[in-house]
């Protein structure tokens, strides 16, 4: 997996894609909250597999179920 930035432009594209895919409003809002949470956790760092694994571990440490954390 190549490093990838999640900026406002990418987030807007993701929101548009969710709507285009006709996802339910509740689903879209949940997914958007999840991506914003990841953005906040990344603190401007580019996404890579190592960081995604770290985010998942952080979610598990906060008590999220393994299914919720991927």
N, C-alpha and C. Protein backbone atom coordinates (compact mmCIF):
# COMPACT_ATOMS: atom_id res chain seq x y z
N UNK A 1 0.84 -1.17 0.00
CA UNK A 1 0.00 0.00 0.00
C UNK A 1 0.89 1.24 0.00
N UNK A 2 0.68 2.11 -0.93
CA UNK A 2 1.44 3.35 -0.99
C UNK A 2 0.90 4.33 0.05
N UNK A 3 1.76 5.24 0.51
CA UNK A 3 1.30 6.28 1.42
C UNK A 3 0.27 7.16 0.72
N UNK A 4 -0.72 7.61 1.45
CA UNK A 4 -1.82 8.36 0.88
C UNK A 4 -2.27 9.41 1.87
N UNK A 5 -2.42 10.64 1.44
CA UNK A 5 -2.91 11.72 2.29
C UNK A 5 -4.43 11.75 2.24
N UNK A 6 -5.05 12.00 3.38
CA UNK A 6 -6.49 12.19 3.45
C UNK A 6 -6.73 13.65 3.83
N UNK A 7 -6.82 14.49 2.82
CA UNK A 7 -7.09 15.90 3.04
C UNK A 7 -8.55 16.22 2.78
N UNK A 8 -8.88 17.49 2.83
CA UNK A 8 -10.26 17.91 2.60
C UNK A 8 -10.75 17.56 1.20
N UNK A 9 -9.88 17.65 0.22
CA UNK A 9 -10.26 17.31 -1.16
C UNK A 9 -10.62 15.83 -1.27
N UNK A 10 -9.79 14.98 -0.67
CA UNK A 10 -10.05 13.54 -0.72
C UNK A 10 -11.33 13.20 0.06
N UNK A 11 -11.53 13.89 1.19
CA UNK A 11 -12.73 13.65 1.98
C UNK A 11 -13.98 14.02 1.19
N UNK A 12 -13.94 15.15 0.49
CA UNK A 12 -15.08 15.58 -0.33
C UNK A 12 -15.37 14.56 -1.43
N UNK A 13 -14.33 14.03 -2.04
CA UNK A 13 -14.51 12.99 -3.07
C UNK A 13 -15.14 11.74 -2.47
N UNK A 14 -14.72 11.39 -1.27
CA UNK A 14 -15.27 10.21 -0.60
C UNK A 14 -16.75 10.41 -0.29
N UNK A 15 -17.10 11.59 0.20
CA UNK A 15 -18.51 11.89 0.49
C UNK A 15 -19.35 11.79 -0.78
N UNK A 16 -18.83 12.33 -1.88
CA UNK A 16 -19.55 12.27 -3.15
C UNK A 16 -19.71 10.82 -3.61
N UNK A 17 -18.67 10.03 -3.44
CA UNK A 17 -18.73 8.61 -3.83
C UNK A 17 -19.79 7.87 -3.02
N UNK A 18 -19.84 8.13 -1.71
CA UNK A 18 -20.84 7.48 -0.87
C UNK A 18 -22.25 7.81 -1.35
N UNK A 19 -22.46 9.06 -1.72
CA UNK A 19 -23.79 9.46 -2.20
C UNK A 19 -24.08 8.81 -3.55
N UNK A 20 -23.08 8.80 -4.43
CA UNK A 20 -23.25 8.19 -5.75
C UNK A 20 -23.59 6.71 -5.62
N UNK A 21 -23.00 6.05 -4.64
CA UNK A 21 -23.26 4.63 -4.41
C UNK A 21 -24.61 4.40 -3.73
N UNK A 22 -25.32 5.48 -3.46
CA UNK A 22 -26.66 5.43 -2.87
C UNK A 22 -26.65 4.77 -1.49
N UNK A 23 -25.62 5.06 -0.73
CA UNK A 23 -25.56 4.55 0.64
C UNK A 23 -26.60 5.28 1.49
N UNK A 24 -27.16 4.59 2.45
CA UNK A 24 -28.15 5.20 3.34
C UNK A 24 -27.51 6.36 4.10
N UNK A 25 -28.32 7.35 4.46
CA UNK A 25 -27.81 8.53 5.15
C UNK A 25 -27.06 8.15 6.43
N UNK A 26 -27.62 7.25 7.22
CA UNK A 26 -26.95 6.83 8.45
C UNK A 26 -25.60 6.19 8.18
N UNK A 27 -25.53 5.40 7.14
CA UNK A 27 -24.27 4.76 6.74
C UNK A 27 -23.26 5.81 6.32
N UNK A 28 -23.70 6.75 5.49
CA UNK A 28 -22.79 7.81 5.03
C UNK A 28 -22.24 8.60 6.21
N UNK A 29 -23.10 8.96 7.14
CA UNK A 29 -22.65 9.75 8.29
C UNK A 29 -21.68 8.95 9.15
N UNK A 30 -21.95 7.68 9.36
CA UNK A 30 -21.03 6.83 10.15
C UNK A 30 -19.68 6.73 9.47
N UNK A 31 -19.67 6.44 8.18
CA UNK A 31 -18.41 6.32 7.45
C UNK A 31 -17.64 7.64 7.47
N UNK A 32 -18.36 8.74 7.33
CA UNK A 32 -17.69 10.04 7.36
C UNK A 32 -17.09 10.32 8.73
N UNK A 33 -17.81 9.97 9.80
CA UNK A 33 -17.25 10.13 11.15
C UNK A 33 -16.00 9.28 11.31
N UNK A 34 -16.03 8.06 10.78
CA UNK A 34 -14.88 7.17 10.88
C UNK A 34 -13.66 7.75 10.17
N UNK A 35 -13.87 8.30 8.99
CA UNK A 35 -12.75 8.88 8.24
C UNK A 35 -12.22 10.12 8.95
N UNK A 36 -13.12 10.95 9.47
CA UNK A 36 -12.68 12.14 10.23
C UNK A 36 -11.89 11.71 11.47
N UNK A 37 -12.33 10.65 12.13
CA UNK A 37 -11.61 10.14 13.29
C UNK A 37 -10.20 9.69 12.89
N UNK A 38 -10.10 8.99 11.77
CA UNK A 38 -8.79 8.57 11.28
C UNK A 38 -7.94 9.78 10.94
N UNK A 39 -8.52 10.77 10.27
CA UNK A 39 -7.77 12.00 9.94
C UNK A 39 -7.20 12.63 11.21
N UNK A 40 -8.03 12.75 12.22
CA UNK A 40 -7.59 13.37 13.48
C UNK A 40 -6.45 12.56 14.10
N UNK A 41 -6.61 11.25 14.11
CA UNK A 41 -5.58 10.38 14.69
C UNK A 41 -4.26 10.48 13.91
N UNK A 42 -4.35 10.62 12.60
CA UNK A 42 -3.14 10.68 11.77
C UNK A 42 -2.34 11.97 11.99
N UNK A 43 -3.03 13.05 12.38
CA UNK A 43 -2.36 14.35 12.61
C UNK A 43 -1.50 14.76 11.40
N UNK A 44 -2.07 14.64 10.19
CA UNK A 44 -1.38 15.09 8.99
C UNK A 44 -0.43 14.08 8.37
N UNK A 45 -0.23 12.95 9.03
CA UNK A 45 0.66 11.93 8.46
C UNK A 45 -0.04 11.23 7.30
N UNK A 46 0.75 10.77 6.35
CA UNK A 46 0.21 10.01 5.23
C UNK A 46 -0.19 8.62 5.71
N UNK A 47 -1.26 8.10 5.15
CA UNK A 47 -1.75 6.77 5.52
C UNK A 47 -0.83 5.70 4.93
N UNK A 48 -0.49 4.73 5.73
CA UNK A 48 0.20 3.53 5.25
C UNK A 48 -0.27 2.37 6.12
N UNK A 49 0.09 1.18 5.76
CA UNK A 49 -0.40 0.00 6.47
C UNK A 49 0.00 0.01 7.94
N UNK A 50 1.21 0.44 8.22
CA UNK A 50 1.68 0.47 9.61
C UNK A 50 0.80 1.39 10.46
N UNK A 51 0.49 2.57 9.92
CA UNK A 51 -0.35 3.50 10.67
C UNK A 51 -1.78 2.98 10.80
N UNK A 52 -2.31 2.35 9.76
CA UNK A 52 -3.65 1.77 9.87
C UNK A 52 -3.70 0.70 10.96
N UNK A 53 -2.65 -0.10 11.04
CA UNK A 53 -2.57 -1.11 12.10
C UNK A 53 -2.54 -0.43 13.47
N UNK A 54 -1.81 0.68 13.57
CA UNK A 54 -1.75 1.44 14.82
C UNK A 54 -3.09 2.03 15.20
N UNK A 55 -3.82 2.54 14.21
CA UNK A 55 -5.15 3.11 14.47
C UNK A 55 -6.09 2.01 14.96
N UNK A 56 -6.02 0.86 14.32
CA UNK A 56 -6.86 -0.27 14.73
C UNK A 56 -6.54 -0.67 16.17
N UNK A 57 -5.27 -0.74 16.49
CA UNK A 57 -4.87 -1.08 17.86
C UNK A 57 -5.38 -0.03 18.85
N UNK A 58 -5.34 1.23 18.46
CA UNK A 58 -5.83 2.30 19.33
C UNK A 58 -7.34 2.16 19.55
N UNK A 59 -8.08 1.81 18.51
CA UNK A 59 -9.52 1.61 18.65
C UNK A 59 -9.82 0.44 19.58
N UNK A 60 -9.08 -0.64 19.41
CA UNK A 60 -9.27 -1.81 20.27
C UNK A 60 -8.95 -1.46 21.73
N UNK A 61 -7.90 -0.67 21.94
CA UNK A 61 -7.52 -0.26 23.30
C UNK A 61 -8.60 0.61 23.93
N UNK A 62 -9.36 1.34 23.10
CA UNK A 62 -10.46 2.18 23.59
C UNK A 62 -11.72 1.37 23.85
N UNK A 63 -11.68 0.08 23.55
CA UNK A 63 -12.81 -0.79 23.84
C UNK A 63 -13.73 -1.09 22.67
N UNK A 64 -13.36 -0.64 21.47
CA UNK A 64 -14.16 -0.98 20.31
C UNK A 64 -14.02 -2.47 20.00
N UNK A 65 -15.07 -3.07 19.50
CA UNK A 65 -15.02 -4.49 19.13
C UNK A 65 -14.13 -4.65 17.90
N UNK A 66 -13.50 -5.81 17.78
CA UNK A 66 -12.61 -6.07 16.65
C UNK A 66 -13.35 -5.88 15.32
N UNK A 67 -14.60 -6.25 15.28
CA UNK A 67 -15.39 -6.10 14.04
C UNK A 67 -15.57 -4.63 13.70
N UNK A 68 -15.75 -3.79 14.71
CA UNK A 68 -15.92 -2.36 14.50
C UNK A 68 -14.62 -1.73 14.03
N UNK A 69 -13.51 -2.22 14.53
CA UNK A 69 -12.21 -1.64 14.23
C UNK A 69 -11.58 -2.29 13.00
N UNK A 70 -12.40 -2.75 12.07
CA UNK A 70 -12.04 -3.34 10.77
C UNK A 70 -12.61 -4.72 10.71
